[in-house]
Amino acid sequence: MTVILWNKSKNSMQLPLLLSLRGEKVSSAIDNHNRAERLGFINSTDDWMAKP
């Protein structure tokens, strides 16, 4: 089992890298977040894209 530690503050760099390493297509930020949600990396795209 692979454990991925996620740091939201560095998300802009980590998410495209993670998707690329999985062989996924890297696209716009919202598309990357939607794909990460479908893959189970994040719980909600809306929560991650919301400003604090």
PDB file of N, CA and C in Angstrom:
ATOM      1  N   MET A   1       0.843  -1.178   0.000  1.00  0.00           N
ATOM      2  CA  MET A   1       0.000   0.000   0.000  1.00  0.00           C
ATOM      3  C   MET A   1       0.886   1.238   0.000  1.00  0.00           C
ATOM      4  N   THR A   2       0.517   2.225  -0.822  1.00  0.00           N
ATOM      5  CA  THR A   2       1.252   3.475  -0.898  1.00  0.00           C
ATOM      6  C   THR A   2       0.534   4.532  -0.083  1.00  0.00           C
ATOM      7  N   VAL A   3       1.269   5.235   0.743  1.00  0.00           N
ATOM      8  CA  VAL A   3       0.711   6.324   1.537  1.00  0.00           C
ATOM      9  C   VAL A   3       1.222   7.627   0.953  1.00  0.00           C
ATOM     10  N   ILE A   4       0.307   8.520   0.650  1.00  0.00           N
ATOM     11  CA  ILE A   4       0.679   9.814   0.087  1.00  0.00           C
ATOM     12  C   ILE A   4       0.383  10.882   1.123  1.00  0.00           C
ATOM     13  N   LEU A   5       1.408  11.593   1.546  1.00  0.00           N
ATOM     14  CA  LEU A   5       1.220  12.703   2.464  1.00  0.00           C
ATOM     15  C   LEU A   5       0.989  13.949   1.632  1.00  0.00           C
ATOM     16  N   TRP A   6      -0.066  14.667   1.954  1.00  0.00           N
ATOM     17  CA  TRP A   6      -0.467  15.797   1.131  1.00  0.00           C
ATOM     18  C   TRP A   6      -0.320  17.095   1.891  1.00  0.00           C
ATOM     19  N   ASN A   7       0.314  18.066   1.285  1.00  0.00           N
ATOM     20  CA  ASN A   7       0.504  19.385   1.879  1.00  0.00           C
ATOM     21  C   ASN A   7      -0.246  20.384   1.011  1.00  0.00           C
ATOM     22  N   LYS A   8      -1.396  20.841   1.487  1.00  0.00           N
ATOM     23  CA  LYS A   8      -2.233  21.734   0.689  1.00  0.00           C
ATOM     24  C   LYS A   8      -1.496  22.999   0.266  1.00  0.00           C
ATOM     25  N   SER A   9      -0.600  23.516   1.090  1.00  0.00           N
ATOM     26  CA  SER A   9       0.091  24.755   0.752  1.00  0.00           C
ATOM     27  C   SER A   9       1.019  24.589  -0.458  1.00  0.00           C
ATOM     28  N   LYS A  10       1.441  23.369  -0.741  1.00  0.00           N
ATOM     29  CA  LYS A  10       2.309  23.119  -1.893  1.00  0.00           C
ATOM     30  C   LYS A  10       1.548  22.408  -3.001  1.00  0.00           C
ATOM     31  N   ASN A  11       0.225  22.436  -2.937  1.00  0.00           N
ATOM     32  CA  ASN A  11      -0.627  21.715  -3.870  1.00  0.00           C
ATOM     33  C   ASN A  11      -0.362  22.071  -5.324  1.00  0.00           C
ATOM     34  N   SER A  12      -0.089  23.327  -5.622  1.00  0.00           N
ATOM     35  CA  SER A  12       0.074  23.748  -7.003  1.00  0.00           C
ATOM     36  C   SER A  12       1.220  23.028  -7.694  1.00  0.00           C
ATOM     37  N   MET A  13       2.212  22.582  -6.946  1.00  0.00           N
ATOM     38  CA  MET A  13       3.337  21.855  -7.540  1.00  0.00           C
ATOM     39  C   MET A  13       3.161  20.344  -7.427  1.00  0.00           C
ATOM     40  N   GLN A  14       2.558  19.880  -6.353  1.00  0.00           N
ATOM     41  CA  GLN A  14       2.483  18.451  -6.103  1.00  0.00           C
ATOM     42  C   GLN A  14       1.437  17.742  -6.950  1.00  0.00           C
ATOM     43  N   LEU A  15       0.287  18.352  -7.145  1.00  0.00           N
ATOM     44  CA  LEU A  15      -0.788  17.676  -7.845  1.00  0.00           C
ATOM     45  C   LEU A  15      -0.429  17.338  -9.292  1.00  0.00           C
ATOM     46  N   PRO A  16       0.069  18.273 -10.096  1.00  0.00           N
ATOM     47  CA  PRO A  16       0.459  17.894 -11.464  1.00  0.00           C
ATOM     48  C   PRO A  16       1.544  16.811 -11.481  1.00  0.00           C
ATOM     49  N   LEU A  17       2.481  16.875 -10.554  1.00  0.00           N
ATOM     50  CA  LEU A  17       3.533  15.859 -10.490  1.00  0.00           C
ATOM     51  C   LEU A  17       2.936  14.497 -10.169  1.00  0.00           C
ATOM     52  N   LEU A  18       2.054  14.446  -9.186  1.00  0.00           N
ATOM     53  CA  LEU A  18       1.414  13.190  -8.802  1.00  0.00           C
ATOM     54  C   LEU A  18       0.618  12.607  -9.963  1.00  0.00           C
ATOM     55  N   LEU A  19      -0.151  13.439 -10.642  1.00  0.00           N
ATOM     56  CA  LEU A  19      -0.935  12.961 -11.786  1.00  0.00           C
ATOM     57  C   LEU A  19      -0.019  12.455 -12.894  1.00  0.00           C
ATOM     58  N   SER A  20       1.033  13.196 -13.161  1.00  0.00           N
ATOM     59  CA  SER A  20       1.980  12.804 -14.199  1.00  0.00           C
ATOM     60  C   SER A  20       2.643  11.470 -13.880  1.00  0.00           C
ATOM     61  N   LEU A  21       3.033  11.284 -12.624  1.00  0.00           N
ATOM     62  CA  LEU A  21       3.663  10.021 -12.226  1.00  0.00           C
ATOM     63  C   LEU A  21       2.713   8.837 -12.375  1.00  0.00           C
ATOM     64  N   ARG A  22       1.416   9.097 -12.261  1.00  0.00           N
ATOM     65  CA  ARG A  22       0.416   8.044 -12.444  1.00  0.00           C
ATOM     66  C   ARG A  22       0.070   7.837 -13.910  1.00  0.00           C
ATOM     67  N   GLY A  23       0.651   8.661 -14.798  1.00  0.00           N
ATOM     68  CA  GLY A  23       0.353   8.535 -16.221  1.00  0.00           C
ATOM     69  C   GLY A  23      -0.924   9.251 -16.629  1.00  0.00           C
ATOM     70  N   GLU A  24      -1.413  10.115 -15.751  1.00  0.00           N
ATOM     71  CA  GLU A  24      -2.622  10.879 -16.035  1.00  0.00           C
ATOM     72  C   GLU A  24      -2.268  12.133 -16.828  1.00  0.00           C
ATOM     73  N   LYS A  25      -3.258  12.646 -17.573  1.00  0.00           N
ATOM     74  CA  LYS A  25      -3.074  13.883 -18.320  1.00  0.00           C
ATOM     75  C   LYS A  25      -3.087  15.060 -17.349  1.00  0.00           C
ATOM     76  N   VAL A  26      -2.097  15.937 -17.442  1.00  0.00           N
ATOM     77  CA  VAL A  26      -2.038  17.147 -16.616  1.00  0.00           C
ATOM     78  C   VAL A  26      -2.666  18.273 -17.424  1.00  0.00           C
ATOM     79  N   SER A  27      -3.562  19.010 -16.782  1.00  0.00           N
ATOM     80  CA  SER A  27      -4.322  20.036 -17.482  1.00  0.00           C
ATOM     81  C   SER A  27      -4.423  21.286 -16.619  1.00  0.00           C
ATOM     82  N   SER A  28      -5.532  21.998 -16.725  1.00  0.00           N
ATOM     83  CA  SER A  28      -5.732  23.201 -15.911  1.00  0.00           C
ATOM     84  C   SER A  28      -5.905  22.816 -14.444  1.00  0.00           C
ATOM     85  N   ALA A  29      -5.761  23.785 -13.565  1.00  0.00           N
ATOM     86  CA  ALA A  29      -5.850  23.517 -12.126  1.00  0.00           C
ATOM     87  C   ALA A  29      -7.175  22.867 -11.754  1.00  0.00           C
ATOM     88  N   ILE A  30      -8.284  23.382 -12.261  1.00  0.00           N
ATOM     89  CA  ILE A  30      -9.589  22.815 -11.904  1.00  0.00           C
ATOM     90  C   ILE A  30      -9.734  21.395 -12.446  1.00  0.00           C
ATOM     91  N   ASP A  31      -9.248  21.151 -13.658  1.00  0.00           N
ATOM     92  CA  ASP A  31      -9.300  19.790 -14.215  1.00  0.00           C
ATOM     93  C   ASP A  31      -8.433  18.833 -13.403  1.00  0.00           C
ATOM     94  N   ASN A  32      -7.249  19.298 -12.991  1.00  0.00           N
ATOM     95  CA  ASN A  32      -6.375  18.462 -12.161  1.00  0.00           C
ATOM     96  C   ASN A  32      -7.044  18.130 -10.833  1.00  0.00           C
ATOM     97  N   HIS A  33      -7.704  19.110 -10.226  1.00  0.00           N
ATOM     98  CA  HIS A  33      -8.394  18.872  -8.963  1.00  0.00           C
ATOM     99  C   HIS A  33      -9.567  17.904  -9.144  1.00  0.00           C
ATOM    100  N   ASN A  34     -10.317  18.071 -10.215  1.00  0.00           N
ATOM    101  CA  ASN A  34     -11.427  17.146 -10.484  1.00  0.00           C
ATOM    102  C   ASN A  34     -10.917  15.719 -10.663  1.00  0.00           C
ATOM    103  N   ARG A  35      -9.826  15.562 -11.388  1.00  0.00           N
ATOM    104  CA  ARG A  35      -9.247  14.232 -11.598  1.00  0.00           C
ATOM    105  C   ARG A  35      -8.742  13.649 -10.276  1.00  0.00           C
ATOM    106  N   ALA A  36      -8.093  14.488  -9.462  1.00  0.00           N
ATOM    107  CA  ALA A  36      -7.604  14.031  -8.156  1.00  0.00           C
ATOM    108  C   ALA A  36      -8.761  13.593  -7.262  1.00  0.00           C
ATOM    109  N   GLU A  37      -9.885  14.286  -7.351  1.00  0.00           N
ATOM    110  CA  GLU A  37     -11.065  13.884  -6.572  1.00  0.00           C
ATOM    111  C   GLU A  37     -11.588  12.535  -7.055  1.00  0.00           C
ATOM    112  N   ARG A  38     -11.688  12.351  -8.359  1.00  0.00           N
ATOM    113  CA  ARG A  38     -12.154  11.069  -8.906  1.00  0.00           C
ATOM    114  C   ARG A  38     -11.231   9.920  -8.519  1.00  0.00           C
ATOM    115  N   LEU A  39      -9.926  10.204  -8.435  1.00  0.00           N
ATOM    116  CA  LEU A  39      -8.961   9.171  -8.069  1.00  0.00           C
ATOM    117  C   LEU A  39      -8.881   8.946  -6.555  1.00  0.00           C
ATOM    118  N   GLY A  40      -9.546   9.800  -5.781  1.00  0.00           N
ATOM    119  CA  GLY A  40      -9.572   9.641  -4.335  1.00  0.00           C
ATOM    120  C   GLY A  40      -8.419  10.300  -3.603  1.00  0.00           C
ATOM    121  N   PHE A  41      -7.665  11.172  -4.287  1.00  0.00           N
ATOM    122  CA  PHE A  41      -6.549  11.863  -3.638  1.00  0.00           C
ATOM    123  C   PHE A  41      -7.034  12.987  -2.725  1.00  0.00           C
ATOM    124  N   ILE A  42      -8.142  13.610  -3.093  1.00  0.00           N
ATOM    125  CA  ILE A  42      -8.737  14.664  -2.273  1.00  0.00           C
ATOM    126  C   ILE A  42     -10.221  14.358  -2.112  1.00  0.00           C
ATOM    127  N   ASN A  43     -10.818  14.885  -1.040  1.00  0.00           N
ATOM    128  CA  ASN A  43     -12.224  14.610  -0.775  1.00  0.00           C
ATOM    129  C   ASN A  43     -13.162  15.446  -1.623  1.00  0.00           C
ATOM    130  N   SER A  44     -12.830  16.708  -1.824  1.00  0.00           N
ATOM    131  CA  SER A  44     -13.732  17.613  -2.531  1.00  0.00           C
ATOM    132  C   SER A  44     -12.947  18.689  -3.269  1.00  0.00           C
ATOM    133  N   THR A  45     -13.169  18.781  -4.563  1.00  0.00           N
ATOM    134  CA  THR A  45     -12.544  19.839  -5.357  1.00  0.00           C
ATOM    135  C   THR A  45     -13.002  21.200  -4.864  1.00  0.00           C
ATOM    136  N   ASP A  46     -14.280  21.323  -4.551  1.00  0.00           N
ATOM    137  CA  ASP A  46     -14.818  22.611  -4.097  1.00  0.00           C
ATOM    138  C   ASP A  46     -14.113  23.081  -2.820  1.00  0.00           C
ATOM    139  N   ASP A  47     -13.899  22.173  -1.881  1.00  0.00           N
ATOM    140  CA  ASP A  47     -13.225  22.542  -0.638  1.00  0.00           C
ATOM    141  C   ASP A  47     -11.785  22.989  -0.895  1.00  0.00           C
ATOM    142  N   TRP A  48     -11.105  22.309  -1.802  1.00  0.00           N
ATOM    143  CA  TRP A  48      -9.700  22.623  -2.066  1.00  0.00           C
ATOM    144  C   TRP A  48      -9.547  23.926  -2.839  1.00  0.00           C
ATOM    145  N   MET A  49     -10.534  24.227  -3.690  1.00  0.00           N
ATOM    146  CA  MET A  49     -10.439  25.443  -4.500  1.00  0.00           C
ATOM    147  C   MET A  49     -10.952  26.676  -3.769  1.00  0.00           C
ATOM    148  N   ALA A  50     -11.706  26.479  -2.686  1.00  0.00           N
ATOM    149  CA  ALA A  50     -12.255  27.611  -1.927  1.00  0.00           C
ATOM    150  C   ALA A  50     -11.120  28.373  -1.241  1.00  0.00           C
ATOM    151  N   LYS A  51     -11.251  29.658  -1.235  1.00  0.00           N
ATOM    152  CA  LYS A  51     -10.239  30.486  -0.562  1.00  0.00           C
ATOM    153  C   LYS A  51     -10.548  30.522   0.925  1.00  0.00           C
ATOM    154  N   PRO A  52      -9.486  30.508   1.759  1.00  0.00           N
ATOM    155  CA  PRO A  52      -9.688  30.516   3.210  1.00  0.00           C
ATOM    156  C   PRO A  52     -10.270  31.812   3.727  1.00  0.00           C
TER     157      PRO A  52
END
